[in-house]
Every structure is written in structure tokens, then in C-alpha cells.
Amino acid sequence: MLSISSRDGRTQTLSYDANGRLSTQSPMTPGVHSASPTMAPAASVQ
């Protein structure tokens, strides 16, 4: 599990699906998937 804090202070949770693809799940934008590094400049493994 990877927790990412974006510039606007929101936190996104990254997880891998059954096919090994990276999916981004944000509580602020449910259903929207993004793996763009520009949306998450500060990442910390927890």
C-alpha cells in the first residue's frame, strides 16, 4: 500500500489490481483512476 500526499493536501491510496496494474483511489474523486506522477509530487511508503 502506498500513501501519497498531493500538493493540495489530499491523500490518495495506490493499490494494485489482480492484473498487477497500478490504480489510484482518491476519497475526493471516487471512481477516478490516475497514475500520473505530476498529481503526486510527494510520495511516502507506509
N, C-alpha and C. Protein backbone atom coordinates (compact mmCIF):
# COMPACT_ATOMS: atom_id res chain seq x y z
N MET A 1 0.85 -1.20 0.00
CA MET A 1 0.00 0.00 0.00
C MET A 1 0.89 1.24 0.00
N LEU A 2 0.51 2.19 -0.81
CA LEU A 2 1.31 3.42 -0.92
C LEU A 2 0.42 4.63 -0.69
N SER A 3 0.80 5.44 0.27
CA SER A 3 0.02 6.64 0.58
C SER A 3 0.69 7.86 -0.02
N ILE A 4 -0.06 8.65 -0.75
CA ILE A 4 0.50 9.80 -1.45
C ILE A 4 -0.20 11.08 -1.02
N SER A 5 0.58 12.07 -0.65
CA SER A 5 0.02 13.37 -0.30
C SER A 5 0.28 14.34 -1.45
N SER A 6 -0.77 14.85 -2.05
CA SER A 6 -0.60 15.76 -3.18
C SER A 6 -0.44 17.20 -2.69
N ARG A 7 -0.18 18.11 -3.62
CA ARG A 7 0.11 19.49 -3.25
C ARG A 7 -1.05 20.15 -2.51
N ASP A 8 -2.27 19.77 -2.86
CA ASP A 8 -3.42 20.42 -2.23
C ASP A 8 -3.79 19.77 -0.89
N GLY A 9 -2.97 18.83 -0.44
CA GLY A 9 -3.18 18.25 0.88
C GLY A 9 -4.04 17.01 0.88
N ARG A 10 -4.58 16.63 -0.28
CA ARG A 10 -5.39 15.41 -0.33
C ARG A 10 -4.49 14.18 -0.28
N THR A 11 -5.04 13.10 0.19
CA THR A 11 -4.28 11.86 0.27
C THR A 11 -4.90 10.82 -0.65
N GLN A 12 -4.06 10.20 -1.47
CA GLN A 12 -4.55 9.16 -2.36
C GLN A 12 -3.91 7.84 -1.96
N THR A 13 -4.65 6.77 -2.16
CA THR A 13 -4.14 5.45 -1.84
C THR A 13 -3.93 4.66 -3.12
N LEU A 14 -2.71 4.17 -3.32
CA LEU A 14 -2.39 3.39 -4.51
C LEU A 14 -2.47 1.91 -4.17
N SER A 15 -3.03 1.15 -5.08
CA SER A 15 -3.09 -0.29 -4.89
C SER A 15 -3.02 -0.97 -6.25
N TYR A 16 -2.61 -2.23 -6.24
CA TYR A 16 -2.50 -2.99 -7.48
C TYR A 16 -3.71 -3.90 -7.62
N ASP A 17 -4.26 -3.96 -8.86
CA ASP A 17 -5.40 -4.84 -9.08
C ASP A 17 -4.90 -6.26 -9.38
N ALA A 18 -5.81 -7.15 -9.74
CA ALA A 18 -5.46 -8.55 -9.95
C ALA A 18 -4.47 -8.72 -11.11
N ASN A 19 -4.45 -7.78 -12.03
CA ASN A 19 -3.57 -7.89 -13.18
C ASN A 19 -2.23 -7.19 -12.95
N GLY A 20 -2.04 -6.66 -11.75
CA GLY A 20 -0.77 -6.03 -11.43
C GLY A 20 -0.69 -4.59 -11.88
N ARG A 21 -1.80 -4.04 -12.34
CA ARG A 21 -1.79 -2.63 -12.76
C ARG A 21 -1.98 -1.72 -11.56
N LEU A 22 -1.39 -0.55 -11.64
CA LEU A 22 -1.47 0.40 -10.53
C LEU A 22 -2.74 1.23 -10.65
N SER A 23 -3.54 1.24 -9.61
CA SER A 23 -4.77 2.03 -9.64
C SER A 23 -4.75 3.02 -8.48
N THR A 24 -5.19 4.23 -8.75
CA THR A 24 -5.22 5.27 -7.72
C THR A 24 -6.65 5.46 -7.24
N GLN A 25 -6.83 5.37 -5.95
CA GLN A 25 -8.15 5.55 -5.37
C GLN A 25 -8.14 6.75 -4.45
N SER A 26 -8.83 7.80 -4.84
CA SER A 26 -8.87 9.01 -4.03
C SER A 26 -10.26 9.20 -3.45
N PRO A 27 -10.36 9.42 -2.13
CA PRO A 27 -11.66 9.62 -1.50
C PRO A 27 -12.35 10.89 -1.99
N MET A 28 -11.58 11.83 -2.52
CA MET A 28 -12.16 13.07 -3.02
C MET A 28 -12.76 12.88 -4.41
N THR A 29 -12.21 11.93 -5.15
CA THR A 29 -12.69 11.69 -6.51
C THR A 29 -12.93 10.19 -6.71
N PRO A 30 -14.02 9.66 -6.17
CA PRO A 30 -14.30 8.23 -6.27
C PRO A 30 -14.53 7.81 -7.72
N GLY A 31 -13.94 6.67 -8.08
CA GLY A 31 -14.13 6.15 -9.43
C GLY A 31 -13.14 6.68 -10.44
N VAL A 32 -12.36 7.67 -10.04
CA VAL A 32 -11.37 8.23 -10.96
C VAL A 32 -10.02 7.56 -10.71
N HIS A 33 -9.44 7.02 -11.77
CA HIS A 33 -8.16 6.33 -11.63
C HIS A 33 -7.08 7.12 -12.35
N SER A 34 -5.99 7.33 -11.66
CA SER A 34 -4.88 8.06 -12.27
C SER A 34 -3.57 7.62 -11.66
N ALA A 35 -2.57 7.44 -12.51
CA ALA A 35 -1.25 7.07 -12.02
C ALA A 35 -0.24 8.13 -12.43
N SER A 36 -0.72 9.35 -12.61
CA SER A 36 0.14 10.44 -13.06
C SER A 36 1.03 10.92 -11.94
N PRO A 37 2.35 10.87 -12.13
CA PRO A 37 3.27 11.30 -11.08
C PRO A 37 3.19 12.80 -10.79
N THR A 38 2.68 13.56 -11.76
CA THR A 38 2.58 15.01 -11.58
C THR A 38 1.48 15.36 -10.59
N MET A 39 0.56 14.42 -10.35
CA MET A 39 -0.53 14.67 -9.40
C MET A 39 -0.09 14.33 -7.98
N ALA A 40 1.05 13.66 -7.86
CA ALA A 40 1.51 13.24 -6.54
C ALA A 40 3.01 13.46 -6.42
N PRO A 41 3.43 14.68 -6.16
CA PRO A 41 4.85 15.00 -6.09
C PRO A 41 5.54 14.46 -4.84
N ALA A 42 4.78 14.26 -3.78
CA ALA A 42 5.38 13.78 -2.54
C ALA A 42 4.80 12.43 -2.17
N ALA A 43 5.62 11.39 -2.32
CA ALA A 43 5.13 10.03 -2.01
C ALA A 43 5.94 9.44 -0.87
N SER A 44 5.25 8.73 0.00
CA SER A 44 5.94 8.08 1.11
C SER A 44 5.38 6.67 1.29
N VAL A 45 6.26 5.71 1.36
CA VAL A 45 5.82 4.33 1.55
C VAL A 45 5.50 4.11 3.01
N GLN A 46 4.34 3.57 3.27
CA GLN A 46 3.93 3.33 4.65
C GLN A 46 3.63 1.86 4.86
